[in-house]
Each structure stands twice: as structure tokens, then as C-alpha cells.
């Protein structure tokens, strides 16, 4: 982990469950790692557990069934690793953790006390992807940002949309649209 005060890298202990293609975010002064793939080759599956790293204790704690539901699953059943892109996770206002599901275009919010996710709405209709690849979801200040391209529908531009999380369903603002050039 990089310490911006000392400008040095620090090695962390190994997680309880080795993984790659995972998402990570800081929340409540802890670092969370969600999903990812475990196993090798045909045995690789999408992991449903998360892990929490306590910066003070310098220790990982496994969190069972922390995955956001995706691709029509409940977030608890393991899926083959080839089922799609990893979840897109961001942390924003008031230490709230958000995730997206490319299959149903849902935006979900994490309830830390209940270790569960609930759907708060959908992301912009034109922010499509290829099984989750080609879509970006980030936090910027107090906003959630979705970057996507409706290229699957034959259109060739990319859009940047944002929403400030509040009560109610997401109301996305189109911040920018840029035409994509031809490339070989």
C-alpha cells in the first residue's frame, strides 16, 4: 500500500483468499476488496466473499457473501470466471459503497450493518457494454461517474454521465459526449 505522507510503499499481509480481477475501495478507514476470481484455468470461479483490511490492526478479515448480486444471481452462488467483467465499485459521499451490474444496468448500495446490497436505480440507458467490459464506474468528489459507449447499437461515441447520490432514484446528468474516431 502506498503511503502518500512518507512517499513509500508498504507490503500488506496476504489476504485470506487469493484473488485477481477484484475491486477495492476505502470505507470507514478500512480497505475493502470485493469479488475477483479464484482458482486456475477451468476451475476459476468468481469469488463471492469480500475482505476487509484494518489499517490499525494490520489484519485481513474475510466477509462471506459480500458480493453485489449480478447477472441474475443473489451474490452468494459462485459463477464461472468467464461469466463477465468484475463488478464496478466506487466509494462516495458519507462513506457509502456503490456497485453496478452490467447485466441489468442496476446501481446498488451496500448496507454495511446487514452485509447486503439493495438496488437504488439504473445507470444511464446508453452506457452499454460487452458483458461488463468497456464500462467505467467511479467516484469523483460527491458524484458517481459512469463512462460508456453505445457502440453495440452501431453508434460511435462515448458518454460521461454523473449523479450526486441523494434519496430517490438516480437522475443522471450528461456531462460530455465525444465522437469516437476510426482505428485499425
N, C-alpha and C. Protein backbone atom coordinates (compact mmCIF):
# COMPACT_ATOMS: atom_id res chain seq x y z
N UNK A 1 0.86 -1.16 0.00
CA UNK A 1 0.00 0.00 0.00
C UNK A 1 0.91 1.23 0.00
N UNK A 2 0.51 2.24 -0.77
CA UNK A 2 1.32 3.45 -0.86
C UNK A 2 0.92 4.43 0.23
N UNK A 3 1.89 4.94 0.96
CA UNK A 3 1.67 5.95 1.99
C UNK A 3 2.07 7.29 1.39
N UNK A 4 1.09 8.14 1.12
CA UNK A 4 1.38 9.42 0.46
C UNK A 4 2.10 10.40 1.39
N UNK A 5 2.04 10.19 2.70
CA UNK A 5 2.75 11.06 3.64
C UNK A 5 4.25 10.76 3.62
N UNK A 6 4.59 9.47 3.72
CA UNK A 6 6.01 9.07 3.73
C UNK A 6 6.56 8.85 2.32
N UNK A 7 5.68 8.81 1.34
CA UNK A 7 6.01 8.54 -0.05
C UNK A 7 6.74 7.20 -0.21
N UNK A 8 6.23 6.20 0.51
CA UNK A 8 6.82 4.86 0.45
C UNK A 8 5.72 3.81 0.29
N UNK A 9 6.11 2.69 -0.31
CA UNK A 9 5.23 1.54 -0.43
C UNK A 9 5.42 0.64 0.77
N UNK A 10 4.32 0.05 1.23
CA UNK A 10 4.37 -0.89 2.35
C UNK A 10 3.70 -2.18 1.92
N UNK A 11 4.35 -3.31 2.18
CA UNK A 11 3.75 -4.61 1.86
C UNK A 11 2.67 -4.92 2.88
N UNK A 12 1.57 -5.46 2.40
CA UNK A 12 0.49 -5.89 3.28
C UNK A 12 0.55 -7.40 3.44
N UNK A 13 -0.01 -7.93 4.53
CA UNK A 13 -0.08 -9.38 4.65
C UNK A 13 -0.99 -9.94 3.56
N UNK A 14 -0.82 -11.21 3.25
CA UNK A 14 -1.67 -11.86 2.23
C UNK A 14 -3.11 -11.90 2.70
N UNK A 15 -4.03 -11.79 1.73
CA UNK A 15 -5.44 -11.94 2.06
C UNK A 15 -5.72 -13.40 2.41
N UNK A 16 -6.85 -13.64 3.03
CA UNK A 16 -7.26 -15.00 3.39
C UNK A 16 -7.56 -15.83 2.15
N UNK A 17 -8.09 -15.19 1.11
CA UNK A 17 -8.44 -15.88 -0.13
C UNK A 17 -7.73 -15.20 -1.29
N UNK A 18 -6.75 -15.87 -1.93
CA UNK A 18 -6.07 -15.25 -3.07
C UNK A 18 -7.07 -14.97 -4.19
N UNK A 19 -6.87 -13.84 -4.88
CA UNK A 19 -7.81 -13.44 -5.94
C UNK A 19 -7.14 -12.49 -6.91
N UNK A 20 -7.74 -12.39 -8.09
CA UNK A 20 -7.35 -11.36 -9.05
C UNK A 20 -8.62 -10.83 -9.70
N UNK A 21 -8.49 -9.81 -10.54
CA UNK A 21 -9.65 -9.16 -11.17
C UNK A 21 -10.69 -8.75 -10.14
N UNK A 22 -10.24 -8.20 -9.03
CA UNK A 22 -11.14 -7.80 -7.95
C UNK A 22 -11.30 -6.28 -7.93
N UNK A 23 -12.25 -5.82 -7.13
CA UNK A 23 -12.45 -4.39 -6.92
C UNK A 23 -12.05 -4.05 -5.50
N UNK A 24 -11.55 -2.85 -5.30
CA UNK A 24 -11.16 -2.42 -3.97
C UNK A 24 -11.58 -0.99 -3.71
N UNK A 25 -11.85 -0.68 -2.44
CA UNK A 25 -12.28 0.66 -2.07
C UNK A 25 -12.03 0.91 -0.58
N UNK A 26 -11.78 2.17 -0.23
CA UNK A 26 -11.66 2.56 1.17
C UNK A 26 -13.01 3.00 1.68
N UNK A 27 -13.37 2.57 2.90
CA UNK A 27 -14.60 2.98 3.55
C UNK A 27 -14.40 2.83 5.05
N UNK A 28 -14.79 3.82 5.81
CA UNK A 28 -14.69 3.78 7.28
C UNK A 28 -13.27 3.44 7.75
N UNK A 29 -12.28 4.06 7.12
CA UNK A 29 -10.87 3.88 7.49
C UNK A 29 -10.38 2.44 7.34
N UNK A 30 -11.05 1.68 6.48
CA UNK A 30 -10.63 0.31 6.19
C UNK A 30 -10.63 0.13 4.68
N UNK A 31 -9.84 -0.83 4.21
CA UNK A 31 -9.77 -1.12 2.79
C UNK A 31 -10.54 -2.40 2.52
N UNK A 32 -11.48 -2.35 1.58
CA UNK A 32 -12.31 -3.49 1.23
C UNK A 32 -11.93 -4.01 -0.15
N UNK A 33 -11.87 -5.33 -0.28
CA UNK A 33 -11.65 -5.98 -1.57
C UNK A 33 -12.86 -6.88 -1.81
N UNK A 34 -13.48 -6.73 -2.97
CA UNK A 34 -14.68 -7.48 -3.30
C UNK A 34 -14.45 -8.37 -4.51
N UNK A 35 -15.10 -9.50 -4.48
CA UNK A 35 -15.13 -10.45 -5.59
C UNK A 35 -13.76 -10.77 -6.12
N UNK A 36 -13.64 -10.87 -7.43
CA UNK A 36 -12.42 -11.33 -8.07
C UNK A 36 -12.58 -12.78 -8.46
N UNK A 37 -11.54 -13.33 -9.05
CA UNK A 37 -11.58 -14.74 -9.42
C UNK A 37 -10.57 -15.50 -8.58
N UNK A 38 -10.93 -16.71 -8.24
CA UNK A 38 -10.05 -17.61 -7.51
C UNK A 38 -9.96 -18.91 -8.28
N UNK A 39 -8.89 -19.63 -8.09
CA UNK A 39 -8.71 -20.88 -8.83
C UNK A 39 -7.96 -20.63 -10.12
N UNK A 40 -7.68 -21.72 -10.83
CA UNK A 40 -6.87 -21.64 -12.05
C UNK A 40 -7.57 -22.36 -13.19
N UNK A 41 -7.44 -21.81 -14.40
CA UNK A 41 -7.96 -22.46 -15.60
C UNK A 41 -9.46 -22.69 -15.55
N UNK A 42 -9.88 -23.92 -15.88
CA UNK A 42 -11.31 -24.26 -15.89
C UNK A 42 -11.92 -24.26 -14.50
N UNK A 43 -11.09 -24.32 -13.46
CA UNK A 43 -11.59 -24.31 -12.09
C UNK A 43 -11.77 -22.89 -11.54
N UNK A 44 -11.43 -21.87 -12.32
CA UNK A 44 -11.55 -20.49 -11.85
C UNK A 44 -13.03 -20.12 -11.70
N UNK A 45 -13.36 -19.54 -10.56
CA UNK A 45 -14.73 -19.09 -10.29
C UNK A 45 -14.70 -17.66 -9.77
N UNK A 46 -15.84 -16.98 -9.90
CA UNK A 46 -15.99 -15.65 -9.32
C UNK A 46 -16.20 -15.84 -7.83
N UNK A 47 -15.37 -15.20 -7.03
CA UNK A 47 -15.48 -15.31 -5.57
C UNK A 47 -16.64 -14.45 -5.07
N UNK A 48 -17.34 -14.93 -4.08
CA UNK A 48 -18.47 -14.18 -3.52
C UNK A 48 -18.13 -13.51 -2.20
N UNK A 49 -16.99 -13.85 -1.64
CA UNK A 49 -16.60 -13.24 -0.37
C UNK A 49 -15.85 -11.93 -0.62
N UNK A 50 -15.83 -11.10 0.39
CA UNK A 50 -15.02 -9.90 0.38
C UNK A 50 -14.01 -10.00 1.50
N UNK A 51 -13.10 -9.05 1.57
CA UNK A 51 -12.17 -8.99 2.69
C UNK A 51 -12.01 -7.54 3.10
N UNK A 52 -11.80 -7.36 4.41
CA UNK A 52 -11.64 -6.03 4.98
C UNK A 52 -10.26 -5.96 5.62
N UNK A 53 -9.49 -4.93 5.27
CA UNK A 53 -8.16 -4.76 5.86
C UNK A 53 -8.23 -3.62 6.86
N UNK A 54 -7.91 -3.92 8.12
CA UNK A 54 -7.88 -2.93 9.18
C UNK A 54 -6.48 -2.32 9.22
N UNK A 55 -6.39 -1.03 8.93
CA UNK A 55 -5.09 -0.36 8.86
C UNK A 55 -4.38 -0.32 10.21
N UNK A 56 -5.14 -0.25 11.30
CA UNK A 56 -4.52 -0.20 12.64
C UNK A 56 -4.06 -1.58 13.09
N UNK A 57 -4.90 -2.59 12.91
CA UNK A 57 -4.55 -3.95 13.33
C UNK A 57 -3.65 -4.65 12.32
N UNK A 58 -3.57 -4.10 11.10
CA UNK A 58 -2.79 -4.69 10.01
C UNK A 58 -3.19 -6.15 9.77
N UNK A 59 -4.50 -6.34 9.62
CA UNK A 59 -5.06 -7.68 9.51
C UNK A 59 -6.24 -7.70 8.54
N UNK A 60 -6.34 -8.79 7.76
CA UNK A 60 -7.48 -9.01 6.87
C UNK A 60 -8.55 -9.82 7.59
N UNK A 61 -9.81 -9.47 7.36
CA UNK A 61 -10.94 -10.24 7.87
C UNK A 61 -11.81 -10.62 6.68
N UNK A 62 -12.15 -11.89 6.58
CA UNK A 62 -12.99 -12.39 5.48
C UNK A 62 -14.44 -12.02 5.76
N UNK A 63 -15.16 -11.55 4.74
CA UNK A 63 -16.58 -11.22 4.86
C UNK A 63 -17.34 -12.11 3.88
N UNK A 64 -18.01 -13.15 4.40
CA UNK A 64 -18.74 -14.06 3.50
C UNK A 64 -19.87 -13.34 2.76
N UNK A 65 -20.15 -13.78 1.56
CA UNK A 65 -21.30 -13.32 0.78
C UNK A 65 -21.38 -11.80 0.66
N UNK A 66 -20.25 -11.15 0.44
CA UNK A 66 -20.25 -9.69 0.31
C UNK A 66 -20.49 -9.23 -1.12
N UNK A 67 -20.53 -10.13 -2.06
CA UNK A 67 -20.66 -9.73 -3.46
C UNK A 67 -22.00 -9.07 -3.74
N UNK A 68 -21.96 -8.03 -4.59
CA UNK A 68 -23.24 -7.50 -5.05
C UNK A 68 -23.89 -8.52 -5.98
N UNK A 69 -25.21 -8.64 -5.95
CA UNK A 69 -25.87 -9.55 -6.90
C UNK A 69 -25.52 -9.12 -8.32
N UNK A 70 -25.30 -10.07 -9.20
CA UNK A 70 -25.01 -9.72 -10.59
C UNK A 70 -25.41 -10.86 -11.50
N UNK A 71 -25.68 -10.50 -12.73
CA UNK A 71 -26.06 -11.48 -13.76
C UNK A 71 -27.21 -12.36 -13.29
N UNK A 72 -28.13 -11.78 -12.52
CA UNK A 72 -29.29 -12.53 -12.07
C UNK A 72 -29.03 -13.45 -10.90
N UNK A 73 -27.84 -13.39 -10.27
CA UNK A 73 -27.57 -14.24 -9.11
C UNK A 73 -27.86 -13.46 -7.83
N UNK A 74 -27.79 -14.15 -6.71
CA UNK A 74 -28.04 -13.50 -5.42
C UNK A 74 -26.76 -12.97 -4.78
N UNK A 75 -25.63 -13.11 -5.47
CA UNK A 75 -24.36 -12.65 -4.93
C UNK A 75 -23.72 -13.65 -4.00
N UNK A 76 -24.34 -14.82 -3.83
CA UNK A 76 -23.79 -15.83 -2.93
C UNK A 76 -23.33 -17.07 -3.67
N UNK A 77 -23.95 -17.37 -4.80
CA UNK A 77 -23.57 -18.56 -5.56
C UNK A 77 -22.36 -18.26 -6.43
N UNK A 78 -21.38 -19.16 -6.44
CA UNK A 78 -20.22 -18.96 -7.29
C UNK A 78 -20.59 -19.16 -8.75
N UNK A 79 -19.93 -18.40 -9.62
CA UNK A 79 -20.16 -18.49 -11.06
C UNK A 79 -18.84 -18.77 -11.74
N UNK A 80 -18.87 -19.32 -12.96
CA UNK A 80 -17.62 -19.47 -13.70
C UNK A 80 -16.98 -18.10 -13.91
N UNK A 81 -15.65 -18.04 -13.92
CA UNK A 81 -14.95 -16.77 -14.05
C UNK A 81 -15.22 -16.10 -15.39
N UNK A 82 -15.59 -16.87 -16.41
CA UNK A 82 -15.84 -16.31 -17.74
C UNK A 82 -17.21 -15.66 -17.85
N UNK A 83 -17.96 -15.54 -16.76
CA UNK A 83 -19.33 -15.03 -16.80
C UNK A 83 -19.41 -13.54 -17.12
N UNK A 84 -18.33 -12.81 -17.07
CA UNK A 84 -18.36 -11.39 -17.38
C UNK A 84 -17.30 -10.63 -16.62
N UNK A 85 -17.32 -9.32 -16.78
CA UNK A 85 -16.34 -8.46 -16.13
C UNK A 85 -16.57 -8.44 -14.62
N UNK A 86 -15.54 -8.08 -13.85
CA UNK A 86 -15.72 -7.96 -12.41
C UNK A 86 -16.66 -6.81 -12.09
N UNK A 87 -17.18 -6.75 -10.86
CA UNK A 87 -18.10 -5.67 -10.51
C UNK A 87 -17.39 -4.33 -10.57
N UNK A 88 -18.15 -3.30 -10.83
CA UNK A 88 -17.61 -1.95 -10.83
C UNK A 88 -18.05 -1.30 -9.52
N UNK A 89 -17.09 -0.97 -8.67
CA UNK A 89 -17.37 -0.50 -7.32
C UNK A 89 -16.75 0.88 -7.12
N UNK A 90 -17.44 1.75 -6.37
CA UNK A 90 -16.92 3.08 -6.04
C UNK A 90 -17.36 3.46 -4.63
N UNK A 91 -16.60 4.30 -3.96
CA UNK A 91 -16.99 4.83 -2.66
C UNK A 91 -17.18 6.32 -2.82
N UNK A 92 -18.29 6.84 -2.30
CA UNK A 92 -18.56 8.27 -2.45
C UNK A 92 -19.08 8.85 -1.15
N UNK A 93 -19.85 9.88 -1.25
CA UNK A 93 -20.36 10.68 -0.14
C UNK A 93 -20.69 9.84 1.10
N UNK A 94 -20.26 10.31 2.23
CA UNK A 94 -20.56 9.70 3.52
C UNK A 94 -20.16 8.23 3.61
N UNK A 95 -19.05 7.87 3.00
CA UNK A 95 -18.53 6.50 3.08
C UNK A 95 -19.54 5.45 2.62
N UNK A 96 -20.28 5.73 1.59
CA UNK A 96 -21.23 4.76 1.05
C UNK A 96 -20.58 4.02 -0.10
N UNK A 97 -20.79 2.71 -0.14
CA UNK A 97 -20.21 1.85 -1.17
C UNK A 97 -21.29 1.55 -2.21
N UNK A 98 -20.96 1.79 -3.48
CA UNK A 98 -21.89 1.57 -4.59
C UNK A 98 -21.27 0.59 -5.58
N UNK A 99 -22.12 -0.17 -6.26
CA UNK A 99 -21.66 -1.11 -7.29
C UNK A 99 -22.66 -1.10 -8.44
N UNK A 100 -22.21 -1.57 -9.59
CA UNK A 100 -23.11 -1.71 -10.73
C UNK A 100 -23.15 -3.15 -11.19
N UNK A 101 -24.23 -3.50 -11.86
CA UNK A 101 -24.36 -4.80 -12.51
C UNK A 101 -24.65 -4.53 -13.98
N UNK A 102 -23.71 -4.89 -14.83
CA UNK A 102 -23.87 -4.62 -16.26
C UNK A 102 -25.03 -5.38 -16.88
N UNK A 103 -25.39 -6.54 -16.34
CA UNK A 103 -26.45 -7.36 -16.95
C UNK A 103 -27.82 -6.71 -16.83
N UNK A 104 -28.14 -6.14 -15.67
CA UNK A 104 -29.45 -5.50 -15.53
C UNK A 104 -29.34 -3.98 -15.39
N UNK A 105 -28.13 -3.44 -15.63
CA UNK A 105 -27.86 -2.00 -15.59
C UNK A 105 -28.27 -1.36 -14.27
N UNK A 106 -28.10 -2.10 -13.18
CA UNK A 106 -28.51 -1.63 -11.86
C UNK A 106 -27.38 -0.92 -11.13
N UNK A 107 -27.75 0.06 -10.32
CA UNK A 107 -26.83 0.69 -9.37
C UNK A 107 -27.28 0.22 -7.99
N UNK A 108 -26.33 -0.32 -7.22
CA UNK A 108 -26.66 -0.86 -5.90
C UNK A 108 -25.84 -0.16 -4.83
N UNK A 109 -26.41 -0.12 -3.63
CA UNK A 109 -25.76 0.50 -2.47
C UNK A 109 -25.58 -0.58 -1.40
N UNK A 110 -24.44 -0.55 -0.74
CA UNK A 110 -24.10 -1.56 0.27
C UNK A 110 -24.58 -1.11 1.64
N UNK A 111 -25.27 -2.01 2.35
CA UNK A 111 -25.68 -1.80 3.73
C UNK A 111 -24.68 -2.56 4.60
N UNK A 112 -23.73 -1.84 5.18
CA UNK A 112 -22.64 -2.46 5.93
C UNK A 112 -23.16 -3.22 7.15
N UNK A 113 -24.15 -2.68 7.84
CA UNK A 113 -24.69 -3.32 9.04
C UNK A 113 -25.32 -4.68 8.73
N UNK A 114 -25.97 -4.79 7.56
CA UNK A 114 -26.66 -6.04 7.18
C UNK A 114 -25.84 -6.90 6.23
N UNK A 115 -24.67 -6.41 5.81
CA UNK A 115 -23.85 -7.10 4.81
C UNK A 115 -24.71 -7.50 3.61
N UNK A 116 -25.43 -6.51 3.07
CA UNK A 116 -26.28 -6.79 1.92
C UNK A 116 -26.34 -5.57 1.01
N UNK A 117 -26.76 -5.81 -0.22
CA UNK A 117 -26.87 -4.77 -1.24
C UNK A 117 -28.33 -4.54 -1.56
N UNK A 118 -28.69 -3.30 -1.89
CA UNK A 118 -30.04 -3.04 -2.38
C UNK A 118 -29.96 -2.13 -3.60
N UNK A 119 -30.86 -2.36 -4.53
CA UNK A 119 -30.88 -1.61 -5.79
C UNK A 119 -31.50 -0.25 -5.55
N UNK A 120 -30.81 0.80 -6.03
CA UNK A 120 -31.34 2.16 -5.89
C UNK A 120 -31.81 2.72 -7.23
N UNK A 121 -31.48 2.04 -8.31
CA UNK A 121 -31.91 2.50 -9.62
C UNK A 121 -31.05 1.91 -10.72
N UNK A 122 -31.13 2.55 -11.88
CA UNK A 122 -30.39 2.06 -13.05
C UNK A 122 -29.36 3.10 -13.47
N UNK A 123 -28.34 2.65 -14.20
CA UNK A 123 -27.42 3.63 -14.75
C UNK A 123 -27.88 4.05 -16.13
N UNK A 124 -27.28 5.09 -16.71
CA UNK A 124 -27.80 5.65 -17.96
C UNK A 124 -28.02 4.59 -19.05
N UNK A 125 -29.14 4.71 -19.76
CA UNK A 125 -29.53 3.72 -20.76
C UNK A 125 -28.48 3.54 -21.85
N UNK A 126 -27.78 4.58 -22.21
CA UNK A 126 -26.84 4.48 -23.33
C UNK A 126 -25.47 3.99 -22.89
N UNK A 127 -25.26 3.78 -21.61
CA UNK A 127 -23.96 3.29 -21.11
C UNK A 127 -23.94 1.77 -21.18
N UNK A 128 -23.84 1.25 -22.38
CA UNK A 128 -23.85 -0.20 -22.58
C UNK A 128 -22.43 -0.74 -22.61
N UNK A 129 -22.32 -2.05 -22.57
CA UNK A 129 -21.00 -2.69 -22.55
C UNK A 129 -21.11 -4.07 -23.18
N UNK A 130 -19.98 -4.72 -23.28
CA UNK A 130 -19.92 -6.10 -23.76
C UNK A 130 -19.65 -6.99 -22.55
N UNK A 131 -20.70 -7.51 -21.94
CA UNK A 131 -20.59 -8.33 -20.72
C UNK A 131 -19.83 -7.62 -19.61
N UNK A 132 -20.00 -6.30 -19.53
CA UNK A 132 -19.37 -5.53 -18.47
C UNK A 132 -18.05 -4.89 -18.86
N UNK A 133 -17.46 -5.34 -19.96
CA UNK A 133 -16.19 -4.76 -20.40
C UNK A 133 -16.49 -3.50 -21.20
N UNK A 134 -15.66 -2.47 -21.04
CA UNK A 134 -15.85 -1.22 -21.77
C UNK A 134 -16.73 -0.23 -21.04
N UNK A 135 -16.96 -0.46 -19.77
CA UNK A 135 -17.79 0.42 -18.95
C UNK A 135 -16.96 0.84 -17.75
N UNK A 136 -17.03 2.11 -17.37
CA UNK A 136 -16.29 2.58 -16.19
C UNK A 136 -17.26 3.20 -15.20
N UNK A 137 -17.01 3.00 -13.91
CA UNK A 137 -17.86 3.50 -12.83
C UNK A 137 -16.92 3.98 -11.74
N UNK A 138 -16.94 5.26 -11.43
CA UNK A 138 -16.00 5.84 -10.47
C UNK A 138 -16.69 6.86 -9.58
N UNK A 139 -16.01 7.20 -8.49
CA UNK A 139 -16.42 8.30 -7.64
C UNK A 139 -15.52 9.49 -7.95
N UNK A 140 -16.11 10.68 -7.98
CA UNK A 140 -15.34 11.91 -8.18
C UNK A 140 -15.99 12.97 -7.30
N UNK A 141 -15.33 13.28 -6.17
CA UNK A 141 -15.94 14.21 -5.22
C UNK A 141 -17.21 13.59 -4.66
N UNK A 142 -18.32 14.29 -4.80
CA UNK A 142 -19.59 13.77 -4.29
C UNK A 142 -20.44 13.13 -5.39
N UNK A 143 -19.84 12.81 -6.52
CA UNK A 143 -20.57 12.26 -7.67
C UNK A 143 -20.15 10.84 -8.01
N UNK A 144 -21.11 10.09 -8.54
CA UNK A 144 -20.81 8.83 -9.21
C UNK A 144 -20.71 9.15 -10.69
N UNK A 145 -19.72 8.58 -11.34
CA UNK A 145 -19.48 8.83 -12.76
C UNK A 145 -19.59 7.50 -13.51
N UNK A 146 -20.35 7.50 -14.61
CA UNK A 146 -20.45 6.34 -15.50
C UNK A 146 -19.96 6.77 -16.88
N UNK A 147 -19.00 6.01 -17.40
CA UNK A 147 -18.48 6.26 -18.74
C UNK A 147 -18.79 5.03 -19.57
N UNK A 148 -19.48 5.23 -20.68
CA UNK A 148 -19.84 4.11 -21.53
C UNK A 148 -20.09 4.56 -22.94
N UNK A 149 -20.21 3.59 -23.82
CA UNK A 149 -20.39 3.89 -25.23
C UNK A 149 -21.47 2.99 -25.81
N UNK A 150 -22.44 3.57 -26.49
CA UNK A 150 -23.47 2.75 -27.14
C UNK A 150 -22.99 2.18 -28.46
N UNK A 151 -21.72 1.76 -28.54
CA UNK A 151 -21.19 1.22 -29.80
C UNK A 151 -21.87 -0.07 -30.20
N UNK A 152 -22.42 -0.81 -29.24
CA UNK A 152 -23.10 -2.06 -29.58
C UNK A 152 -24.32 -1.79 -30.46
N UNK A 153 -24.88 -0.58 -30.37
CA UNK A 153 -26.05 -0.25 -31.17
C UNK A 153 -25.66 0.41 -32.50
N UNK A 154 -24.36 0.40 -32.83
CA UNK A 154 -23.90 0.96 -34.09
C UNK A 154 -23.50 2.42 -34.00
N UNK A 155 -23.69 3.06 -32.86
CA UNK A 155 -23.30 4.46 -32.70
C UNK A 155 -21.85 4.51 -32.27
N UNK A 156 -21.15 5.58 -32.63
CA UNK A 156 -19.72 5.62 -32.32
C UNK A 156 -19.34 6.87 -31.53
N UNK A 157 -19.78 6.93 -30.30
CA UNK A 157 -19.36 7.99 -29.40
C UNK A 157 -19.33 7.45 -27.98
N UNK A 158 -18.67 8.20 -27.11
CA UNK A 158 -18.57 7.81 -25.71
C UNK A 158 -19.21 8.91 -24.88
N UNK A 159 -19.91 8.52 -23.81
CA UNK A 159 -20.59 9.49 -22.96
C UNK A 159 -20.08 9.42 -21.53
N UNK A 160 -20.06 10.58 -20.89
CA UNK A 160 -19.69 10.71 -19.49
C UNK A 160 -20.92 11.24 -18.76
N UNK A 161 -21.46 10.43 -17.83
CA UNK A 161 -22.65 10.80 -17.07
C UNK A 161 -22.31 10.86 -15.59
N UNK A 162 -23.00 11.73 -14.84
CA UNK A 162 -22.76 11.80 -13.39
C UNK A 162 -24.06 11.96 -12.63
N UNK A 163 -24.00 11.58 -11.35
CA UNK A 163 -25.15 11.69 -10.45
C UNK A 163 -24.62 11.91 -9.04
N UNK A 164 -25.22 12.85 -8.31
CA UNK A 164 -24.91 13.06 -6.90
C UNK A 164 -25.92 12.24 -6.11
N UNK A 165 -25.47 11.19 -5.39
CA UNK A 165 -26.41 10.33 -4.67
C UNK A 165 -27.22 11.10 -3.63
N UNK A 166 -28.52 10.94 -3.73
CA UNK A 166 -29.48 11.50 -2.78
C UNK A 166 -30.59 10.47 -2.62
N UNK A 167 -31.61 10.84 -1.88
CA UNK A 167 -32.78 9.97 -1.77
C UNK A 167 -33.44 9.85 -3.14
N UNK A 168 -34.08 8.73 -3.38
CA UNK A 168 -34.76 8.53 -4.64
C UNK A 168 -33.88 7.89 -5.69
N UNK A 169 -34.43 7.75 -6.89
CA UNK A 169 -33.73 7.10 -8.00
C UNK A 169 -32.68 8.02 -8.60
N UNK A 170 -31.63 7.44 -9.19
CA UNK A 170 -30.59 8.26 -9.83
C UNK A 170 -31.16 9.12 -10.96
N UNK A 171 -30.74 10.37 -10.97
CA UNK A 171 -31.05 11.30 -12.05
C UNK A 171 -29.71 11.67 -12.69
N UNK A 172 -29.37 11.01 -13.79
CA UNK A 172 -28.05 11.16 -14.40
C UNK A 172 -27.98 12.43 -15.25
N UNK A 173 -26.86 13.13 -15.14
CA UNK A 173 -26.57 14.31 -15.96
C UNK A 173 -25.52 13.92 -17.00
N UNK A 174 -25.80 14.24 -18.26
CA UNK A 174 -24.82 14.01 -19.32
C UNK A 174 -23.81 15.15 -19.25
N UNK A 175 -22.56 14.82 -18.90
CA UNK A 175 -21.51 15.83 -18.79
C UNK A 175 -20.78 16.05 -20.11
N UNK A 176 -20.62 14.99 -20.88
CA UNK A 176 -19.87 15.12 -22.12
C UNK A 176 -20.19 13.95 -23.06
N UNK A 177 -20.08 14.24 -24.35
CA UNK A 177 -20.22 13.21 -25.38
C UNK A 177 -19.13 13.47 -26.41
N UNK A 178 -18.37 12.44 -26.73
CA UNK A 178 -17.28 12.60 -27.70
C UNK A 178 -17.39 11.52 -28.76
N UNK A 179 -17.31 11.95 -30.00
CA UNK A 179 -17.34 11.02 -31.11
C UNK A 179 -16.05 10.22 -31.14
N UNK A 180 -16.18 8.93 -31.39
CA UNK A 180 -15.01 8.07 -31.49
C UNK A 180 -14.48 8.08 -32.91
N UNK A 181 -13.17 8.12 -33.06
CA UNK A 181 -12.55 8.09 -34.38
C UNK A 181 -12.41 6.66 -34.88
N UNK A 182 -12.07 6.53 -36.13
CA UNK A 182 -11.80 5.21 -36.71
C UNK A 182 -10.40 4.77 -36.34
N UNK A 183 -10.24 3.51 -36.05
CA UNK A 183 -8.91 2.99 -35.79
C UNK A 183 -8.81 1.60 -36.39
N UNK A 184 -7.62 1.21 -36.77
CA UNK A 184 -7.39 -0.10 -37.38
C UNK A 184 -6.75 -1.01 -36.40
